[in-house]
Every structure is written in structure tokens, then in C-alpha cells.
């Protein structure tokens, strides 16, 4: 199976599309008109939810379309940044599996809408190391984070991650550290001007301030299933990193920089778990896991055992998506 996803690009895409369809059939069979509750501090998510929330079918179709777009963007980012082999769709395959391992596909949740913007932030930060004048990329990274946070508020933490990534990229000039902050503030300046014109500035400002006071472990409300999935993700991430830093892996300077940046992204993804419930709607951990798994799977020579494991995991994920159709909820 791994060999198949490293060659024959068009057949790979056909198989991935079929896998997505299989995984999403339960969402179309049991689609509901309810959407995940939006926060007052996620205005763009609230807008989309209001547009599509009145029609369960339109909501499911839109959610499906966003997911498919995210799959393509994710695979393109890994390929362009040479984190996987050329003409490989192993990134798309792992993204589909990692992002489908929990039963949240029948609703529109904030991270899903923010995901393409977060991916663009990641791609932009990867490019900073490869260009002589990073100003435009730094500005774009801040702008994308602001847009993502208007869908999924915990994304706001990523502005700190970008500043930390700049240290990893050996960027030392103070003016460069101000650029992503300005890019981040620009959309919020427009938003708060809108609040001011609608005579709701004080109310909205208080809502944003209150959201930061709600961060804390006691607010998390972890269930047993949540803990099991989180522990599995942590174990897989640790194992992946051990292989990535081994002598068998491509450890060029550019690759090491991107891996270091992604490791810090995983740290922030874990922190985001403490900012919004339910835990499974905080999908950044699953996205980062898909990056690491895609990287190591591209370098396996003997794939028989790996193929068996992947097939078993894929069947388990498919079964998990279909169980609710039969009244079984884990």
C-alpha cells in the first residue's frame, strides 16, 4: 500500500477520494441540522453557521467540501516543502485517516473552517527559511492567524508560535518580529471598528477578555475516550520523532528546521486542548501527527508489516464512523 501512494499520482487521488466518500457516507445518512455551538468571539464561524445551519444537507455538503479542500492543501504543502517524496499523496492519505478517527463529521466545528488558514500559516513559516527577504511572508503569517482565530479562537496562540519559529529560523532583527504582529492586528482592527460602528465595542471587548479567563485544566472535562486518543497521539508522535531524528532519515538543515518548527506547533496544539471543548474538535494535534507520520512513511523500504498496520487502522476508523448508524456510541 505504501508503494502505491508513492507512485502513480492520479490513481492515488482516485483511491483517496473513494476513501473520503466511504468515511463520509455516515455523515450524509445521519446528517443533522444542529451545528457546534459558536462562541461570540468567533464571528466568521458564527456567520458560516448561520448561513448553512438552517439546512442539514447544505451543512453536510459544505463541511464535506471544506474537508476535501483541506486534504488537497495539506498534501500540496508537504510536497512543495519536500517533507514527502515528489508525486506522493501519502500526506493526503494520512490526513484523511488522522482527521477521521473521531466521530465529529456530522457537524460543522470551528477548527475545520480554520484548518486551511492554519495550513497556510505553516506553509508560510516553512518558506521564511528559504527566502532572502521574509517581510511579506511574515505579514501573511500574522494575517492568516487572525483569520483562523475568527473561526477557531485558540488559533490566536499561533502568533506566539510564529515568533518562536522565527528564532528557530535564525531571524534576529526586531523589525521582523513586529511584522507578523502587525499582520495579525490588521483584521482585528477592522473587526473592532465594525463593533464600534454597531455600538457593541465594550460588550465584545469584555467577551474577548472573558475568553482568556476560561483557560484551565479544570475546564477541560476529559472523558475516557478523549484520554485514550490523546495518549495514542502522543505515543505515535514520539515514535515518529525518534525515527525522524535517526540516521536513516533525511536530516538536511532545511528539513531539521521544518521539523523543529513543527514540533513547537505540536506543543501549541496540545495547549489548545485547554481552551475549547469538546476535545475532539481541537484537531490541530491530529494534523501535526499526520505531518510526522507522512514523513516517516515515505522512507520505509520494507512495507509489508506497515501495510498490515495501516489497513487495520483504516478499517478500525471506518468501523468507528459507521457504528453510530447502528446505535453504538463509544
C-alpha atoms as a PDB file:
ATOM      1  CA  UNK A   1       0.000   0.000   0.000  1.00  0.00           C
ATOM      2  CA  UNK A   2       2.783   2.456   0.847  1.00  0.00           C
ATOM      3  CA  UNK A   3       4.444   1.809  -2.500  1.00  0.00           C
ATOM      4  CA  UNK A   4       1.161   2.619  -4.230  1.00  0.00           C
ATOM      5  CA  UNK A   5       0.921   6.016  -2.508  1.00  0.00           C
ATOM      6  CA  UNK A   6       4.470   6.880  -3.539  1.00  0.00           C
ATOM      7  CA  UNK A   7       3.812   6.486  -7.278  1.00  0.00           C
ATOM      8  CA  UNK A   8       1.005   6.736  -9.877  1.00  0.00           C
ATOM      9  CA  UNK A   9      -0.337  10.077  -8.730  1.00  0.00           C
ATOM     10  CA  UNK A  10      -3.743  10.038 -10.459  1.00  0.00           C
ATOM     11  CA  UNK A  11      -4.744   6.547  -9.174  1.00  0.00           C
ATOM     12  CA  UNK A  12      -3.681   7.688  -5.701  1.00  0.00           C
ATOM     13  CA  UNK A  13      -6.110  10.586  -5.818  1.00  0.00           C
ATOM     14  CA  UNK A  14      -8.913   8.296  -7.004  1.00  0.00           C
ATOM     15  CA  UNK A  15      -8.345   5.953  -4.049  1.00  0.00           C
ATOM     16  CA  UNK A  16      -8.198   8.860  -1.579  1.00  0.00           C
ATOM     17  CA  UNK A  17     -11.441  10.313  -2.933  1.00  0.00           C
ATOM     18  CA  UNK A  18     -13.108   6.903  -2.593  1.00  0.00           C
ATOM     19  CA  UNK A  19     -11.809   6.608   0.991  1.00  0.00           C
ATOM     20  CA  UNK A  20     -13.203  10.048   1.859  1.00  0.00           C
ATOM     21  CA  UNK A  21     -16.574   9.118   0.359  1.00  0.00           C
ATOM     22  CA  UNK A  22     -16.675   5.864   2.347  1.00  0.00           C
ATOM     23  CA  UNK A  23     -15.818   7.699   5.566  1.00  0.00           C
ATOM     24  CA  UNK A  24     -18.400  10.406   4.937  1.00  0.00           C
ATOM     25  CA  UNK A  25     -21.368   8.236   3.967  1.00  0.00           C
ATOM     26  CA  UNK A  26     -22.500   8.057   7.647  1.00  0.00           C
ATOM     27  CA  UNK A  27     -22.419  11.864   7.807  1.00  0.00           C
ATOM     28  CA  UNK A  28     -24.795  12.111   4.836  1.00  0.00           C
ATOM     29  CA  UNK A  29     -27.034   9.301   6.105  1.00  0.00           C
ATOM     30  CA  UNK A  30     -27.423  10.724   9.606  1.00  0.00           C
ATOM     31  CA  UNK A  31     -26.817  14.406   8.956  1.00  0.00           C
ATOM     32  CA  UNK A  32     -28.485  16.754  11.405  1.00  0.00           C
ATOM     33  CA  UNK A  33     -29.384  20.427  11.321  1.00  0.00           C
ATOM     34  CA  UNK A  34     -27.537  21.245  14.532  1.00  0.00           C
ATOM     35  CA  UNK A  35     -24.070  22.758  14.494  1.00  0.00           C
ATOM     36  CA  UNK A  36     -21.432  23.020  17.183  1.00  0.00           C
ATOM     37  CA  UNK A  37     -22.192  25.996  19.402  1.00  0.00           C
ATOM     38  CA  UNK A  38     -20.295  29.037  18.217  1.00  0.00           C
ATOM     39  CA  UNK A  39     -18.595  31.456  20.568  1.00  0.00           C
ATOM     40  CA  UNK A  40     -19.260  35.207  20.478  1.00  0.00           C
ATOM     41  CA  UNK A  41     -15.521  35.607  19.814  1.00  0.00           C
ATOM     42  CA  UNK A  42     -15.608  33.567  16.581  1.00  0.00           C
ATOM     43  CA  UNK A  43     -17.526  35.921  14.272  1.00  0.00           C
ATOM     44  CA  UNK A  44     -16.639  34.263  10.960  1.00  0.00           C
ATOM     45  CA  UNK A  45     -17.604  30.815  12.237  1.00  0.00           C
ATOM     46  CA  UNK A  46     -20.897  32.194  13.519  1.00  0.00           C
ATOM     47  CA  UNK A  47     -21.560  33.729  10.105  1.00  0.00           C
ATOM     48  CA  UNK A  48     -20.969  30.451   8.253  1.00  0.00           C
ATOM     49  CA  UNK A  49     -23.023  28.504  10.813  1.00  0.00           C
ATOM     50  CA  UNK A  50     -25.897  30.949  10.393  1.00  0.00           C
ATOM     51  CA  UNK A  51     -25.788  30.594   6.593  1.00  0.00           C
ATOM     52  CA  UNK A  52     -25.724  26.799   6.435  1.00  0.00           C
ATOM     53  CA  UNK A  53     -27.256  25.845   9.795  1.00  0.00           C
ATOM     54  CA  UNK A  54     -30.837  26.044   8.529  1.00  0.00           C
ATOM     55  CA  UNK A  55     -30.316  23.168   6.070  1.00  0.00           C
ATOM     56  CA  UNK A  56     -28.820  19.916   7.326  1.00  0.00           C
ATOM     57  CA  UNK A  57     -27.959  18.722   3.820  1.00  0.00           C
ATOM     58  CA  UNK A  58     -26.321  22.013   2.813  1.00  0.00           C
ATOM     59  CA  UNK A  59     -24.390  21.987   6.088  1.00  0.00           C
ATOM     60  CA  UNK A  60     -23.070  18.471   5.474  1.00  0.00           C
ATOM     61  CA  UNK A  61     -22.148  19.225   1.853  1.00  0.00           C
ATOM     62  CA  UNK A  62     -20.300  22.385   2.862  1.00  0.00           C
ATOM     63  CA  UNK A  63     -18.453  20.581   5.666  1.00  0.00           C
ATOM     64  CA  UNK A  64     -17.517  17.805   3.244  1.00  0.00           C
ATOM     65  CA  UNK A  65     -16.227  20.339   0.694  1.00  0.00           C
ATOM     66  CA  UNK A  66     -14.066  22.111   3.288  1.00  0.00           C
ATOM     67  CA  UNK A  67     -12.624  18.778   4.406  1.00  0.00           C
ATOM     68  CA  UNK A  68     -11.744  17.788   0.813  1.00  0.00           C
ATOM     69  CA  UNK A  69     -10.101  21.168   0.196  1.00  0.00           C
ATOM     70  CA  UNK A  70      -8.071  20.759   3.396  1.00  0.00           C
ATOM     71  CA  UNK A  71      -6.855  17.343   2.220  1.00  0.00           C
ATOM     72  CA  UNK A  72      -5.544  18.786  -1.058  1.00  0.00           C
ATOM     73  CA  UNK A  73      -3.930  21.798   0.617  1.00  0.00           C
ATOM     74  CA  UNK A  74      -2.234  19.596   3.210  1.00  0.00           C
ATOM     75  CA  UNK A  75      -0.746  17.255   0.624  1.00  0.00           C
ATOM     76  CA  UNK A  76       0.452  20.179  -1.519  1.00  0.00           C
ATOM     77  CA  UNK A  77       2.212  21.814   1.444  1.00  0.00           C
ATOM     78  CA  UNK A  78       4.111  18.625   2.303  1.00  0.00           C
ATOM     79  CA  UNK A  79       5.130  18.096  -1.338  1.00  0.00           C
ATOM     80  CA  UNK A  80       6.193  21.686  -2.017  1.00  0.00           C
ATOM     81  CA  UNK A  81       8.272  21.769   1.161  1.00  0.00           C
ATOM     82  CA  UNK A  82       9.847  18.377   0.329  1.00  0.00           C
ATOM     83  CA  UNK A  83       8.693  16.745   3.543  1.00  0.00           C
ATOM     84  CA  UNK A  84       7.428  13.802   1.475  1.00  0.00           C
ATOM     85  CA  UNK A  85       8.688  12.356  -1.783  1.00  0.00           C
ATOM     86  CA  UNK A  86       7.642  14.005  -5.029  1.00  0.00           C
ATOM     87  CA  UNK A  87       4.376  12.876  -6.649  1.00  0.00           C
ATOM     88  CA  UNK A  88       3.345  11.219  -3.411  1.00  0.00           C
ATOM     89  CA  UNK A  89      -0.107  11.536  -1.873  1.00  0.00           C
ATOM     90  CA  UNK A  90       0.811   9.791   1.372  1.00  0.00           C
ATOM     91  CA  UNK A  91       0.226  13.137   3.117  1.00  0.00           C
ATOM     92  CA  UNK A  92      -3.376  13.309   1.901  1.00  0.00           C
ATOM     93  CA  UNK A  93      -3.938   9.680   2.896  1.00  0.00           C
ATOM     94  CA  UNK A  94      -2.615  10.170   6.439  1.00  0.00           C
ATOM     95  CA  UNK A  95      -4.515  13.442   6.848  1.00  0.00           C
ATOM     96  CA  UNK A  96      -7.795  11.706   5.946  1.00  0.00           C
ATOM     97  CA  UNK A  97      -7.127   8.929   8.467  1.00  0.00           C
ATOM     98  CA  UNK A  98      -5.912  11.167  11.304  1.00  0.00           C
ATOM     99  CA  UNK A  99      -8.720  13.697  10.914  1.00  0.00           C
ATOM    100  CA  UNK A 100     -11.385  10.977  10.651  1.00  0.00           C
ATOM    101  CA  UNK A 101     -10.503   8.923  13.720  1.00  0.00           C
ATOM    102  CA  UNK A 102     -13.243  10.544  15.814  1.00  0.00           C
ATOM    103  CA  UNK A 103     -16.969  10.960  15.169  1.00  0.00           C
ATOM    104  CA  UNK A 104     -17.316  14.687  14.521  1.00  0.00           C
ATOM    105  CA  UNK A 105     -18.076  14.708  10.811  1.00  0.00           C
ATOM    106  CA  UNK A 106     -21.815  15.249  11.075  1.00  0.00           C
ATOM    107  CA  UNK A 107     -21.397  18.752  12.428  1.00  0.00           C
ATOM    108  CA  UNK A 108     -19.646  21.956  11.496  1.00  0.00           C
ATOM    109  CA  UNK A 109     -16.944  22.587  14.082  1.00  0.00           C
ATOM    110  CA  UNK A 110     -14.695  25.664  14.308  1.00  0.00           C
ATOM    111  CA  UNK A 111     -11.321  24.010  13.730  1.00  0.00           C
ATOM    112  CA  UNK A 112     -12.426  22.562  10.398  1.00  0.00           C
ATOM    113  CA  UNK A 113     -13.037  26.047   8.978  1.00  0.00           C
ATOM    114  CA  UNK A 114      -9.799  27.383  10.470  1.00  0.00           C
ATOM    115  CA  UNK A 115      -7.750  24.428   9.229  1.00  0.00           C
ATOM    116  CA  UNK A 116      -6.967  25.776   5.702  1.00  0.00           C
ATOM    117  CA  UNK A 117      -5.799  29.080   7.199  1.00  0.00           C
ATOM    118  CA  UNK A 118      -3.612  27.274   9.758  1.00  0.00           C
ATOM    119  CA  UNK A 119      -2.099  25.222   6.940  1.00  0.00           C
ATOM    120  CA  UNK A 120      -1.274  28.410   5.064  1.00  0.00           C
ATOM    121  CA  UNK A 121       0.408  29.763   8.193  1.00  0.00           C
ATOM    122  CA  UNK A 122       2.517  26.607   8.387  1.00  0.00           C
ATOM    123  CA  UNK A 123       3.441  26.806   4.698  1.00  0.00           C
ATOM    124  CA  UNK A 124       4.330  30.489   5.017  1.00  0.00           C
ATOM    125  CA  UNK A 125       6.557  29.863   8.031  1.00  0.00           C
ATOM    126  CA  UNK A 126       8.288  26.992   6.202  1.00  0.00           C
ATOM    127  CA  UNK A 127       9.102  29.391   3.339  1.00  0.00           C
ATOM    128  CA  UNK A 128      10.690  32.005   5.604  1.00  0.00           C
ATOM    129  CA  UNK A 129      13.914  30.000   5.813  1.00  0.00           C
ATOM    130  CA  UNK A 130      14.184  29.778   2.017  1.00  0.00           C
ATOM    131  CA  UNK A 131      13.847  33.449   1.081  1.00  0.00           C
ATOM    132  CA  UNK A 132      16.194  36.380   1.472  1.00  0.00           C
ATOM    133  CA  UNK A 133      13.503  38.939   2.271  1.00  0.00           C
ATOM    134  CA  UNK A 134      10.866  37.359   4.548  1.00  0.00           C
ATOM    135  CA  UNK A 135       8.813  40.502   5.237  1.00  0.00           C
ATOM    136  CA  UNK A 136       5.859  39.580   3.002  1.00  0.00           C
ATOM    137  CA  UNK A 137       5.725  36.030   4.392  1.00  0.00           C
ATOM    138  CA  UNK A 138       5.834  37.296   7.966  1.00  0.00           C
ATOM    139  CA  UNK A 139       2.976  39.690   7.286  1.00  0.00           C
ATOM    140  CA  UNK A 140       0.926  36.924   5.667  1.00  0.00           C
ATOM    141  CA  UNK A 141       1.505  34.566   8.596  1.00  0.00           C
ATOM    142  CA  UNK A 142       0.039  37.084  11.042  1.00  0.00           C
ATOM    143  CA  UNK A 143      -2.921  37.769   8.756  1.00  0.00           C
ATOM    144  CA  UNK A 144      -3.720  34.056   8.336  1.00  0.00           C
ATOM    145  CA  UNK A 145      -3.579  33.511  12.109  1.00  0.00           C
ATOM    146  CA  UNK A 146      -6.044  36.337  12.681  1.00  0.00           C
ATOM    147  CA  UNK A 147      -8.439  34.873  10.102  1.00  0.00           C
ATOM    148  CA  UNK A 148      -8.106  31.389  11.625  1.00  0.00           C
ATOM    149  CA  UNK A 149      -8.809  32.723  15.130  1.00  0.00           C
ATOM    150  CA  UNK A 150     -12.056  34.272  13.916  1.00  0.00           C
ATOM    151  CA  UNK A 151     -13.217  30.743  13.140  1.00  0.00           C
ATOM    152  CA  UNK A 152     -11.397  28.872  15.926  1.00  0.00           C
ATOM    153  CA  UNK A 153     -10.306  31.184  18.732  1.00  0.00           C
ATOM    154  CA  UNK A 154      -7.487  29.008  20.197  1.00  0.00           C
ATOM    155  CA  UNK A 155      -5.620  29.692  16.926  1.00  0.00           C
ATOM    156  CA  UNK A 156      -4.714  33.029  18.478  1.00  0.00           C
ATOM    157  CA  UNK A 157      -1.906  31.215  20.319  1.00  0.00           C
ATOM    158  CA  UNK A 158      -0.182  30.608  16.993  1.00  0.00           C
ATOM    159  CA  UNK A 159       1.060  34.185  16.832  1.00  0.00           C
ATOM    160  CA  UNK A 160       3.374  33.244  19.708  1.00  0.00           C
ATOM    161  CA  UNK A 161       4.358  30.104  17.778  1.00  0.00           C
ATOM    162  CA  UNK A 162       5.313  32.192  14.721  1.00  0.00           C
ATOM    163  CA  UNK A 163       7.533  34.431  16.853  1.00  0.00           C
ATOM    164  CA  UNK A 164       9.174  31.351  18.346  1.00  0.00           C
ATOM    165  CA  UNK A 165       9.623  29.857  14.863  1.00  0.00           C
ATOM    166  CA  UNK A 166      11.488  32.992  13.829  1.00  0.00           C
ATOM    167  CA  UNK A 167      14.103  32.227  16.483  1.00  0.00           C
ATOM    168  CA  UNK A 168      14.397  28.707  15.071  1.00  0.00           C
ATOM    169  CA  UNK A 169      14.899  30.258  11.611  1.00  0.00           C
ATOM    170  CA  UNK A 170      17.697  32.495  12.990  1.00  0.00           C
ATOM    171  CA  UNK A 171      15.793  35.712  12.352  1.00  0.00           C
ATOM    172  CA  UNK A 172      17.153  38.298  14.756  1.00  0.00           C
ATOM    173  CA  UNK A 173      16.104  41.760  13.573  1.00  0.00           C
ATOM    174  CA  UNK A 174      13.489  43.397  15.807  1.00  0.00           C
ATOM    175  CA  UNK A 175      11.531  44.838  12.874  1.00  0.00           C
ATOM    176  CA  UNK A 176      10.901  41.317  11.571  1.00  0.00           C
ATOM    177  CA  UNK A 177       9.275  40.323  14.867  1.00  0.00           C
ATOM    178  CA  UNK A 178       6.898  43.270  14.613  1.00  0.00           C
ATOM    179  CA  UNK A 179       5.689  42.413  11.103  1.00  0.00           C
ATOM    180  CA  UNK A 180       3.618  39.270  11.924  1.00  0.00           C
ATOM    181  CA  UNK A 181       2.097  41.103  14.889  1.00  0.00           C
ATOM    182  CA  UNK A 182       1.003  43.941  12.588  1.00  0.00           C
ATOM    183  CA  UNK A 183      -0.384  41.423  10.098  1.00  0.00           C
ATOM    184  CA  UNK A 184      -2.321  39.816  12.940  1.00  0.00           C
ATOM    185  CA  UNK A 185      -3.698  43.096  14.284  1.00  0.00           C
ATOM    186  CA  UNK A 186      -4.937  44.439  10.934  1.00  0.00           C
ATOM    187  CA  UNK A 187      -8.024  42.139  10.586  1.00  0.00           C
ATOM    188  CA  UNK A 188      -8.865  42.667  14.254  1.00  0.00           C
ATOM    189  CA  UNK A 189      -8.616  46.428  13.792  1.00  0.00           C
ATOM    190  CA  UNK A 190     -11.241  46.208  11.039  1.00  0.00           C
ATOM    191  CA  UNK A 191     -13.396  43.899  13.203  1.00  0.00           C
ATOM    192  CA  UNK A 192     -13.315  46.216  16.215  1.00  0.00           C
ATOM    193  CA  UNK A 193     -14.078  49.227  14.028  1.00  0.00           C
ATOM    194  CA  UNK A 194     -17.155  47.282  12.906  1.00  0.00           C
ATOM    195  CA  UNK A 195     -18.062  46.646  16.569  1.00  0.00           C
ATOM    196  CA  UNK A 196     -17.640  50.342  17.295  1.00  0.00           C
ATOM    197  CA  UNK A 197     -19.904  51.375  14.429  1.00  0.00           C
ATOM    198  CA  UNK A 198     -22.524  48.903  15.722  1.00  0.00           C
ATOM    199  CA  UNK A 199     -22.260  50.294  19.271  1.00  0.00           C
ATOM    200  CA  UNK A 200     -21.096  46.934  20.674  1.00  0.00           C
ATOM    201  CA  UNK A 201     -17.389  47.634  21.223  1.00  0.00           C
ATOM    202  CA  UNK A 202     -17.416  47.431  25.031  1.00  0.00           C
ATOM    203  CA  UNK A 203     -19.582  44.307  25.056  1.00  0.00           C
ATOM    204  CA  UNK A 204     -17.402  42.486  22.525  1.00  0.00           C
ATOM    205  CA  UNK A 205     -14.198  43.573  24.237  1.00  0.00           C
ATOM    206  CA  UNK A 206     -15.439  42.077  27.506  1.00  0.00           C
ATOM    207  CA  UNK A 207     -16.276  38.821  25.711  1.00  0.00           C
ATOM    208  CA  UNK A 208     -12.723  38.554  24.420  1.00  0.00           C
ATOM    209  CA  UNK A 209     -11.256  39.289  27.834  1.00  0.00           C
ATOM    210  CA  UNK A 210     -13.549  36.696  29.426  1.00  0.00           C
ATOM    211  CA  UNK A 211     -12.420  34.020  26.978  1.00  0.00           C
ATOM    212  CA  UNK A 212      -8.855  34.190  28.303  1.00  0.00           C
ATOM    213  CA  UNK A 213     -10.043  33.761  31.893  1.00  0.00           C
ATOM    214  CA  UNK A 214     -11.708  30.461  30.965  1.00  0.00           C
ATOM    215  CA  UNK A 215      -8.430  28.686  30.211  1.00  0.00           C
ATOM    216  CA  UNK A 216      -7.556  25.984  32.727  1.00  0.00           C
ATOM    217  CA  UNK A 217      -7.242  22.236  33.265  1.00  0.00           C
ATOM    218  CA  UNK A 218     -10.412  22.088  35.371  1.00  0.00           C
ATOM    219  CA  UNK A 219     -12.339  23.409  32.365  1.00  0.00           C
ATOM    220  CA  UNK A 220     -11.159  20.609  30.078  1.00  0.00           C
ATOM    221  CA  UNK A 221     -13.626  17.892  31.107  1.00  0.00           C
ATOM    222  CA  UNK A 222     -11.725  14.976  29.582  1.00  0.00           C
ATOM    223  CA  UNK A 223     -13.645  11.768  29.021  1.00  0.00           C
ATOM    224  CA  UNK A 224     -12.023   8.318  28.995  1.00  0.00           C
ATOM    225  CA  UNK A 225     -12.185   8.121  25.210  1.00  0.00           C
ATOM    226  CA  UNK A 226     -10.539  11.560  24.977  1.00  0.00           C
ATOM    227  CA  UNK A 227      -7.669  10.469  27.211  1.00  0.00           C
ATOM    228  CA  UNK A 228      -7.122   7.268  25.236  1.00  0.00           C
ATOM    229  CA  UNK A 229      -6.990   9.107  21.890  1.00  0.00           C
ATOM    230  CA  UNK A 230      -4.677  11.817  23.260  1.00  0.00           C
ATOM    231  CA  UNK A 231      -2.293   9.232  24.716  1.00  0.00           C
ATOM    232  CA  UNK A 232      -2.223   7.367  21.393  1.00  0.00           C
ATOM    233  CA  UNK A 233      -1.477  10.595  19.513  1.00  0.00           C
ATOM    234  CA  UNK A 234       1.323  11.454  21.950  1.00  0.00           C
ATOM    235  CA  UNK A 235       2.829   7.962  21.640  1.00  0.00           C
ATOM    236  CA  UNK A 236       2.689   7.999  17.843  1.00  0.00           C
ATOM    237  CA  UNK A 237       4.201  11.478  17.719  1.00  0.00           C
ATOM    238  CA  UNK A 238       7.065  10.474  19.999  1.00  0.00           C
ATOM    239  CA  UNK A 239       7.763   7.331  17.944  1.00  0.00           C
ATOM    240  CA  UNK A 240       7.675   9.327  14.718  1.00  0.00           C
ATOM    241  CA  UNK A 241      10.147  11.873  16.048  1.00  0.00           C
ATOM    242  CA  UNK A 242      12.539   9.129  17.142  1.00  0.00           C
ATOM    243  CA  UNK A 243      12.589   7.834  13.564  1.00  0.00           C
ATOM    244  CA  UNK A 244      12.828  11.302  12.028  1.00  0.00           C
ATOM    245  CA  UNK A 245      15.897  12.141  14.122  1.00  0.00           C
ATOM    246  CA  UNK A 246      17.544   8.790  13.385  1.00  0.00           C
ATOM    247  CA  UNK A 247      20.417   8.345  10.914  1.00  0.00           C
ATOM    248  CA  UNK A 248      18.098   6.686   8.374  1.00  0.00           C
ATOM    249  CA  UNK A 249      16.146   9.886   7.779  1.00  0.00           C
ATOM    250  CA  UNK A 250      16.988  12.923   5.645  1.00  0.00           C
ATOM    251  CA  UNK A 251      18.495  15.306   8.184  1.00  0.00           C
ATOM    252  CA  UNK A 252      19.442  18.258   5.988  1.00  0.00           C
ATOM    253  CA  UNK A 253      19.493  21.673   7.647  1.00  0.00           C
ATOM    254  CA  UNK A 254      16.288  22.764   5.907  1.00  0.00           C
ATOM    255  CA  UNK A 255      14.461  19.591   6.965  1.00  0.00           C
ATOM    256  CA  UNK A 256      15.653  19.885  10.571  1.00  0.00           C
ATOM    257  CA  UNK A 257      14.442  23.493  10.738  1.00  0.00           C
ATOM    258  CA  UNK A 258      10.999  22.498   9.467  1.00  0.00           C
ATOM    259  CA  UNK A 259      10.823  19.565  11.877  1.00  0.00           C
ATOM    260  CA  UNK A 260      11.770  21.803  14.813  1.00  0.00           C
ATOM    261  CA  UNK A 261       9.079  24.295  13.807  1.00  0.00           C
ATOM    262  CA  UNK A 262       6.503  21.505  13.541  1.00  0.00           C
ATOM    263  CA  UNK A 263       7.456  20.113  16.952  1.00  0.00           C
ATOM    264  CA  UNK A 264       6.745  23.502  18.503  1.00  0.00           C
ATOM    265  CA  UNK A 265       3.466  23.599  16.601  1.00  0.00           C
ATOM    266  CA  UNK A 266       2.526  20.301  18.252  1.00  0.00           C
ATOM    267  CA  UNK A 267       3.284  21.826  21.665  1.00  0.00           C
ATOM    268  CA  UNK A 268       0.898  24.684  20.936  1.00  0.00           C
ATOM    269  CA  UNK A 269      -1.663  22.206  19.567  1.00  0.00           C
ATOM    270  CA  UNK A 270      -1.586  20.433  22.933  1.00  0.00           C
ATOM    271  CA  UNK A 271      -2.045  23.756  24.734  1.00  0.00           C
ATOM    272  CA  UNK A 272      -5.130  24.437  22.619  1.00  0.00           C
ATOM    273  CA  UNK A 273      -6.847  21.441  24.214  1.00  0.00           C
ATOM    274  CA  UNK A 274      -7.234  23.564  27.345  1.00  0.00           C
ATOM    275  CA  UNK A 275      -9.057  26.351  25.536  1.00  0.00           C
ATOM    276  CA  UNK A 276     -12.155  24.781  23.990  1.00  0.00           C
ATOM    277  CA  UNK A 277     -14.397  21.763  24.391  1.00  0.00           C
ATOM    278  CA  UNK A 278     -15.112  19.183  23.111  1.00  0.00           C
ATOM    279  CA  UNK A 279     -11.543  17.950  22.940  1.00  0.00           C
ATOM    280  CA  UNK A 280     -12.037  16.167  19.626  1.00  0.00           C
ATOM    281  CA  UNK A 281     -12.881  19.451  17.921  1.00  0.00           C
ATOM    282  CA  UNK A 282      -9.345  20.655  18.652  1.00  0.00           C
ATOM    283  CA  UNK A 283      -7.933  18.945  15.592  1.00  0.00           C
ATOM    284  CA  UNK A 284      -4.508  20.579  15.312  1.00  0.00           C
ATOM    285  CA  UNK A 285      -2.864  17.681  17.173  1.00  0.00           C
ATOM    286  CA  UNK A 286      -4.217  15.262  14.569  1.00  0.00           C
ATOM    287  CA  UNK A 287      -2.989  17.474  11.722  1.00  0.00           C
ATOM    288  CA  UNK A 288       0.551  17.665  13.116  1.00  0.00           C
ATOM    289  CA  UNK A 289       0.539  13.915  13.710  1.00  0.00           C
ATOM    290  CA  UNK A 290      -0.360  13.449  10.038  1.00  0.00           C
ATOM    291  CA  UNK A 291       2.726  15.506   9.095  1.00  0.00           C
ATOM    292  CA  UNK A 292       5.116  13.362  11.126  1.00  0.00           C
ATOM    293  CA  UNK A 293       3.552  10.068  10.023  1.00  0.00           C
ATOM    294  CA  UNK A 294       3.659  11.129   6.363  1.00  0.00           C
ATOM    295  CA  UNK A 295       7.340  11.996   6.662  1.00  0.00           C
ATOM    296  CA  UNK A 296       8.443   8.691   8.136  1.00  0.00           C
ATOM    297  CA  UNK A 297       6.237   6.515   5.925  1.00  0.00           C
ATOM    298  CA  UNK A 298       7.879   7.949   2.805  1.00  0.00           C
ATOM    299  CA  UNK A 299      11.221   6.494   3.897  1.00  0.00           C
ATOM    300  CA  UNK A 300      10.196   2.924   4.753  1.00  0.00           C
ATOM    301  CA  UNK A 301      11.757   0.321   2.442  1.00  0.00           C
ATOM    302  CA  UNK A 302      10.113  -2.855   3.787  1.00  0.00           C
ATOM    303  CA  UNK A 303       6.415  -2.123   3.941  1.00  0.00           C
ATOM    304  CA  UNK A 304       4.611  -5.436   4.498  1.00  0.00           C
ATOM    305  CA  UNK A 305       4.172  -5.034   8.254  1.00  0.00           C
ATOM    306  CA  UNK A 306       3.427  -1.320   7.869  1.00  0.00           C
ATOM    307  CA  UNK A 307       0.824  -2.087   5.207  1.00  0.00           C
ATOM    308  CA  UNK A 308      -0.942  -4.519   7.537  1.00  0.00           C
ATOM    309  CA  UNK A 309      -0.976  -1.955  10.346  1.00  0.00           C
ATOM    310  CA  UNK A 310      -2.296   0.816   8.076  1.00  0.00           C
ATOM    311  CA  UNK A 311      -5.051  -1.407   6.674  1.00  0.00           C
ATOM    312  CA  UNK A 312      -6.060  -2.426  10.207  1.00  0.00           C
ATOM    313  CA  UNK A 313      -6.149   1.209  11.346  1.00  0.00           C
ATOM    314  CA  UNK A 314      -8.116   2.245   8.262  1.00  0.00           C
ATOM    315  CA  UNK A 315     -10.722  -0.473   8.842  1.00  0.00           C
ATOM    316  CA  UNK A 316     -10.988   0.493  12.518  1.00  0.00           C
ATOM    317  CA  UNK A 317     -11.560   4.152  11.591  1.00  0.00           C
ATOM    318  CA  UNK A 318     -14.191   3.217   9.014  1.00  0.00           C
ATOM    319  CA  UNK A 319     -15.939   0.993  11.577  1.00  0.00           C
ATOM    320  CA  UNK A 320     -15.852   3.829  14.119  1.00  0.00           C
ATOM    321  CA  UNK A 321     -17.617   6.131  11.664  1.00  0.00           C
ATOM    322  CA  UNK A 322     -20.335   3.572  10.905  1.00  0.00           C
ATOM    323  CA  UNK A 323     -21.054   2.439  14.466  1.00  0.00           C
ATOM    324  CA  UNK A 324     -23.403   5.381  15.227  1.00  0.00           C
ATOM    325  CA  UNK A 325     -25.637   4.238  12.356  1.00  0.00           C
ATOM    326  CA  UNK A 326     -26.318   1.116  14.420  1.00  0.00           C
ATOM    327  CA  UNK A 327     -26.805   2.981  17.680  1.00  0.00           C
ATOM    328  CA  UNK A 328     -23.325   2.222  19.033  1.00  0.00           C
ATOM    329  CA  UNK A 329     -21.504   5.217  20.505  1.00  0.00           C
ATOM    330  CA  UNK A 330     -18.068   4.712  22.049  1.00  0.00           C
END
